[in-house]
Amino acid sequence: MKKKILVVERDEDILYIIRHLLEEQGYAVGVSITEEGIVDRVIKEKPDIILLDIIKPTAEGTALCNALKRVPSIKHIPVIVLSTYPQIQTVKIECADDIIDKPFDISEIVSVIEDHLAA
């Protein structure tokens, strides 16, 4: 069975690229351009990994990441944050399992995903 990845990315062009490249790697990919309803979707679909776009590591910016980690039935699912913000590493301390800086190399995303799936 294919491993499932949920990508939450506001930029539709980036979302399309990530989806296409991950599908080429053999993953089943779900996508969303909005954070609305994501916690319920994750509870229902139980993806193996979540790629989450965070613009800034503020209370508002990390609200979804924190919400995902507060739900006992899904808190084990790795959340990998994608961001252009220079100090995004602070999010790893707060709620993220890993950070990928934008612009990113697709091989980096695949490598990080594979590391978390192997753990």
Protein backbone atom coordinates (compact mmCIF):
# COMPACT_ATOMS: atom_id res chain seq x y z
CA MET A 1 0.00 0.00 0.00
CA LYS A 2 1.26 3.47 -0.89
CA LYS A 3 2.29 5.77 1.93
CA LYS A 4 -0.05 8.77 2.21
CA ILE A 5 1.19 12.34 2.39
CA LEU A 6 -1.03 15.34 3.02
CA VAL A 7 0.37 18.62 1.67
CA VAL A 8 -1.06 21.88 3.01
CA GLU A 9 0.39 24.67 0.85
CA ARG A 10 -1.08 28.10 0.08
CA ASP A 11 0.78 28.59 -3.20
CA GLU A 12 -1.04 26.55 -5.85
CA ASP A 13 2.03 26.38 -8.14
CA ILE A 14 4.23 24.99 -5.36
CA LEU A 15 1.43 22.62 -4.34
CA TYR A 16 1.15 21.29 -7.90
CA ILE A 17 4.93 20.74 -8.13
CA ILE A 18 5.14 18.95 -4.77
CA ARG A 19 2.14 16.78 -5.56
CA HIS A 20 3.42 15.80 -8.99
CA LEU A 21 6.93 14.99 -7.80
CA LEU A 22 5.78 12.99 -4.77
CA GLU A 23 3.33 11.01 -6.89
CA GLU A 24 6.23 10.22 -9.24
CA GLN A 25 8.06 8.86 -6.18
CA GLY A 26 5.15 6.48 -5.55
CA TYR A 27 3.32 8.28 -2.75
CA ALA A 28 -0.43 8.83 -2.50
CA VAL A 29 -0.77 12.60 -2.12
CA GLY A 30 -3.67 14.60 -0.72
CA VAL A 31 -3.58 18.36 -1.03
CA SER A 32 -5.15 21.48 0.43
CA ILE A 33 -4.58 25.18 -0.23
CA THR A 34 -6.27 26.11 3.04
CA GLU A 35 -5.87 25.07 6.66
CA GLU A 36 -9.63 24.91 7.13
CA GLY A 37 -10.84 21.49 8.22
CA ILE A 38 -7.36 19.96 8.19
CA VAL A 39 -7.46 18.51 11.71
CA ASP A 40 -10.71 16.67 10.92
CA ARG A 41 -9.30 15.53 7.58
CA VAL A 42 -6.15 14.16 9.23
CA ILE A 43 -8.24 12.32 11.84
CA LYS A 44 -10.33 10.77 9.06
CA GLU A 45 -7.62 10.02 6.47
CA LYS A 46 -4.66 9.27 8.79
CA PRO A 47 -1.85 10.27 6.42
CA ASP A 48 1.64 8.95 7.14
CA ILE A 49 3.21 12.43 6.88
CA ILE A 50 1.93 16.01 6.78
CA LEU A 51 3.80 18.71 4.84
CA LEU A 52 2.65 22.06 6.23
CA ASP A 53 3.35 25.52 4.86
CA ILE A 54 3.94 28.03 7.69
CA ILE A 55 4.61 31.63 6.80
CA LYS A 56 5.79 32.85 10.23
CA PRO A 57 6.35 31.08 13.55
CA THR A 58 3.71 33.15 15.37
CA ALA A 59 0.82 31.89 17.48
CA GLU A 60 -1.43 32.30 14.44
CA GLY A 61 1.12 30.83 12.04
CA THR A 62 1.72 27.71 14.13
CA ALA A 63 -1.88 27.21 15.30
CA LEU A 64 -2.55 24.30 12.93
CA CYS A 65 0.75 22.60 13.73
CA ASN A 66 -0.02 22.85 17.45
CA ALA A 67 -3.61 21.70 16.93
CA LEU A 68 -2.40 18.59 15.10
CA LYS A 69 -0.04 17.72 17.93
CA ARG A 70 -2.75 18.14 20.60
CA VAL A 71 -5.02 15.40 19.22
CA PRO A 72 -3.98 12.09 20.81
CA SER A 73 -5.02 9.89 17.86
CA ILE A 74 -2.90 11.82 15.34
CA LYS A 75 -0.10 13.48 17.32
CA HIS A 76 2.28 10.69 16.25
CA ILE A 77 1.99 11.71 12.57
CA PRO A 78 5.13 13.63 11.57
CA VAL A 79 4.52 17.27 10.64
CA ILE A 80 7.19 18.63 8.32
CA VAL A 81 7.05 22.40 7.99
CA LEU A 82 7.88 24.18 4.73
CA SER A 83 8.72 27.88 5.09
CA THR A 84 10.66 30.85 3.73
CA TYR A 85 10.88 32.48 7.17
CA PRO A 86 14.52 32.77 8.36
CA GLN A 87 13.85 31.80 12.00
CA ILE A 88 11.47 28.94 11.23
CA GLN A 89 13.63 26.51 13.23
CA THR A 90 11.83 27.76 16.36
CA VAL A 91 8.76 25.86 15.12
CA LYS A 92 10.66 22.59 15.46
CA ILE A 93 10.97 23.26 19.17
CA GLU A 94 7.27 24.07 19.46
CA CYS A 95 5.47 21.49 17.32
CA ALA A 96 7.12 20.42 14.06
CA ASP A 97 8.96 17.15 13.60
CA ASP A 98 11.17 18.64 10.90
CA ILE A 99 11.73 21.82 8.89
CA ILE A 100 12.44 22.31 5.18
CA ASP A 101 13.45 25.77 4.08
CA LYS A 102 11.98 27.24 0.91
CA PRO A 103 13.15 27.33 -1.76
CA PHE A 104 13.70 23.61 -1.44
CA ASP A 105 15.15 20.84 -3.52
CA ILE A 106 12.67 18.01 -4.14
CA SER A 107 15.34 15.46 -3.26
CA GLU A 108 15.53 17.09 0.19
CA ILE A 109 11.78 16.68 0.67
CA VAL A 110 11.93 13.04 -0.40
CA SER A 111 14.92 12.40 1.87
CA VAL A 112 13.22 13.96 4.90
CA ILE A 113 10.00 12.03 4.21
CA GLU A 114 11.89 8.75 3.86
CA ASP A 115 13.78 9.41 7.11
CA HIS A 116 10.52 9.92 9.01
CA LEU A 117 8.82 6.92 7.43
CA ALA A 118 11.78 4.74 8.38
CA ALA A 119 11.75 5.91 12.02
